[in-house]
Amino acid sequence: MGQEAQTLPPRNLRDAEDAVAKIAGLWWPRADSGDFEAQDRRMAKSGNRYLRYYLIQAANKMRQHIPEYADYYARKYAESTKHHHKRALVMTARKSVGLVVGLLHRNEPYRSKEDRRT
């Protein structure tokens, strides 16, 4: 019997979020050579394109209906120098991955802040 690759579980929820984001392709690989580092990088096209598409679509609806995500989107939109909408939307999707992973980990449905207060 040969040695089989051992997969270790994520150490914490942040590691799980990073893993899901990488599986979905919600990251930008470095584009550098020596001392040069490119400012305009293309998003990774590796990963599950369907998962990436649906996470970005969900983030778009979240920014339209949830004030916290609308504020985050607006902040990222203002920070970006190129491709404002796309970059801000992908960053919002990356933030929403944390919400999704947390809800799945705790096995609970999403409740808005207004619902949590009552």
Protein backbone atom coordinates (compact mmCIF):
# COMPACT_ATOMS: atom_id res chain seq x y z
CA MET A 1 0.00 0.00 0.00
CA GLY A 2 1.31 3.41 -0.94
CA GLN A 3 1.13 6.48 1.18
CA GLU A 4 -2.14 8.28 0.72
CA ALA A 5 -2.41 12.01 0.91
CA GLN A 6 -3.73 13.00 4.29
CA THR A 7 -6.16 15.90 4.30
CA LEU A 8 -6.22 17.84 7.50
CA PRO A 9 -9.36 19.63 8.65
CA PRO A 10 -9.17 23.43 8.81
CA ARG A 11 -7.82 24.68 12.11
CA ASN A 12 -10.48 27.34 12.57
CA LEU A 13 -13.41 28.95 10.76
CA ARG A 14 -11.17 31.53 9.08
CA ASP A 15 -9.17 28.72 7.46
CA ALA A 16 -12.43 27.13 6.29
CA GLU A 17 -13.55 30.47 4.80
CA ASP A 18 -10.24 30.83 2.98
CA ALA A 19 -10.53 27.29 1.63
CA VAL A 20 -14.08 27.85 0.33
CA ALA A 21 -13.06 31.16 -1.25
CA LYS A 22 -10.13 29.48 -2.97
CA ILE A 23 -12.31 26.60 -4.18
CA ALA A 24 -14.69 29.19 -5.64
CA GLY A 25 -11.83 31.15 -7.20
CA LEU A 26 -12.50 34.35 -5.24
CA TRP A 27 -8.85 35.41 -5.02
CA TRP A 28 -6.20 37.19 -7.04
CA PRO A 29 -2.89 35.42 -7.56
CA ARG A 30 0.24 37.51 -7.23
CA ALA A 31 1.64 38.98 -10.41
CA ASP A 32 5.22 39.88 -9.61
CA SER A 33 8.74 39.41 -10.88
CA GLY A 34 11.74 40.45 -8.83
CA ASP A 35 11.03 43.88 -7.35
CA PHE A 36 8.02 44.51 -9.62
CA GLU A 37 4.52 43.85 -8.35
CA ALA A 38 1.59 44.52 -10.69
CA GLN A 39 -1.24 46.72 -9.47
CA ASP A 40 -3.83 45.32 -11.89
CA ARG A 41 -4.16 41.58 -11.34
CA ARG A 42 -6.63 39.20 -12.90
CA MET A 43 -8.89 37.15 -10.68
CA ALA A 44 -8.01 33.46 -10.52
CA LYS A 45 -9.99 31.40 -12.99
CA SER A 46 -9.25 28.19 -11.16
CA GLY A 47 -11.92 26.75 -8.96
CA ASN A 48 -15.57 25.98 -9.41
CA ARG A 49 -17.02 28.52 -11.83
CA TYR A 50 -20.61 27.74 -10.81
CA LEU A 51 -19.88 28.27 -7.13
CA ARG A 52 -18.09 31.55 -7.96
CA TYR A 53 -21.01 32.72 -10.12
CA TYR A 54 -23.65 31.99 -7.48
CA LEU A 55 -21.62 33.51 -4.64
CA ILE A 56 -21.16 36.70 -6.66
CA GLN A 57 -24.87 36.79 -7.58
CA ALA A 58 -25.78 36.30 -3.92
CA ALA A 59 -23.39 39.09 -2.91
CA ASN A 60 -25.03 41.40 -5.42
CA LYS A 61 -28.45 40.77 -3.86
CA MET A 62 -27.01 41.06 -0.36
CA ARG A 63 -25.56 44.48 -1.14
CA GLN A 64 -28.97 45.58 -2.40
CA HIS A 65 -30.92 44.40 0.67
CA ILE A 66 -28.56 44.28 3.67
CA PRO A 67 -27.16 47.65 4.83
CA GLU A 68 -23.94 46.15 6.26
CA TYR A 69 -23.05 44.64 2.90
CA ALA A 70 -24.11 47.80 1.03
CA ASP A 71 -21.69 49.82 3.17
CA TYR A 72 -18.90 47.29 2.62
CA TYR A 73 -19.54 47.31 -1.15
CA ALA A 74 -19.47 51.12 -1.25
CA ARG A 75 -16.19 51.21 0.69
CA LYS A 76 -14.53 48.66 -1.62
CA TYR A 77 -15.94 50.45 -4.68
CA ALA A 78 -14.29 53.69 -3.55
CA GLU A 79 -10.98 51.94 -2.73
CA SER A 80 -10.55 50.24 -6.11
CA THR A 81 -8.70 52.02 -8.90
CA LYS A 82 -9.91 49.89 -11.83
CA HIS A 83 -12.93 47.70 -12.45
CA HIS A 84 -14.75 49.29 -9.50
CA HIS A 85 -18.02 47.32 -9.62
CA LYS A 86 -16.52 43.91 -10.37
CA ARG A 87 -13.77 44.19 -7.78
CA ALA A 88 -16.12 45.50 -5.09
CA LEU A 89 -18.64 42.78 -5.89
CA VAL A 90 -16.05 40.02 -5.64
CA MET A 91 -14.78 41.42 -2.33
CA THR A 92 -18.37 41.50 -1.06
CA ALA A 93 -18.79 37.87 -2.19
CA ARG A 94 -15.60 37.01 -0.31
CA LYS A 95 -17.06 38.62 2.81
CA SER A 96 -20.32 36.71 2.35
CA VAL A 97 -18.38 33.41 2.33
CA GLY A 98 -17.63 34.08 6.01
CA LEU A 99 -21.34 34.41 6.73
CA VAL A 100 -22.21 31.23 4.82
CA VAL A 101 -19.46 29.16 6.46
CA GLY A 102 -20.42 30.46 9.90
CA LEU A 103 -24.10 29.64 9.40
CA LEU A 104 -23.27 26.16 8.15
CA HIS A 105 -20.87 25.58 11.04
CA ARG A 106 -23.46 26.62 13.63
CA ASN A 107 -26.25 24.84 11.70
CA GLU A 108 -28.61 27.79 11.93
CA PRO A 109 -30.62 29.83 9.41
CA TYR A 110 -29.78 33.43 8.55
CA ARG A 111 -31.51 36.03 10.69
CA SER A 112 -31.20 39.76 10.07
CA LYS A 113 -30.09 42.08 12.87
CA GLU A 114 -33.70 43.20 13.39
CA ASP A 115 -34.76 39.55 13.89
CA ARG A 116 -31.97 38.93 16.36
CA ARG A 117 -33.04 41.84 18.57
CA THR A 118 -36.54 40.52 19.16
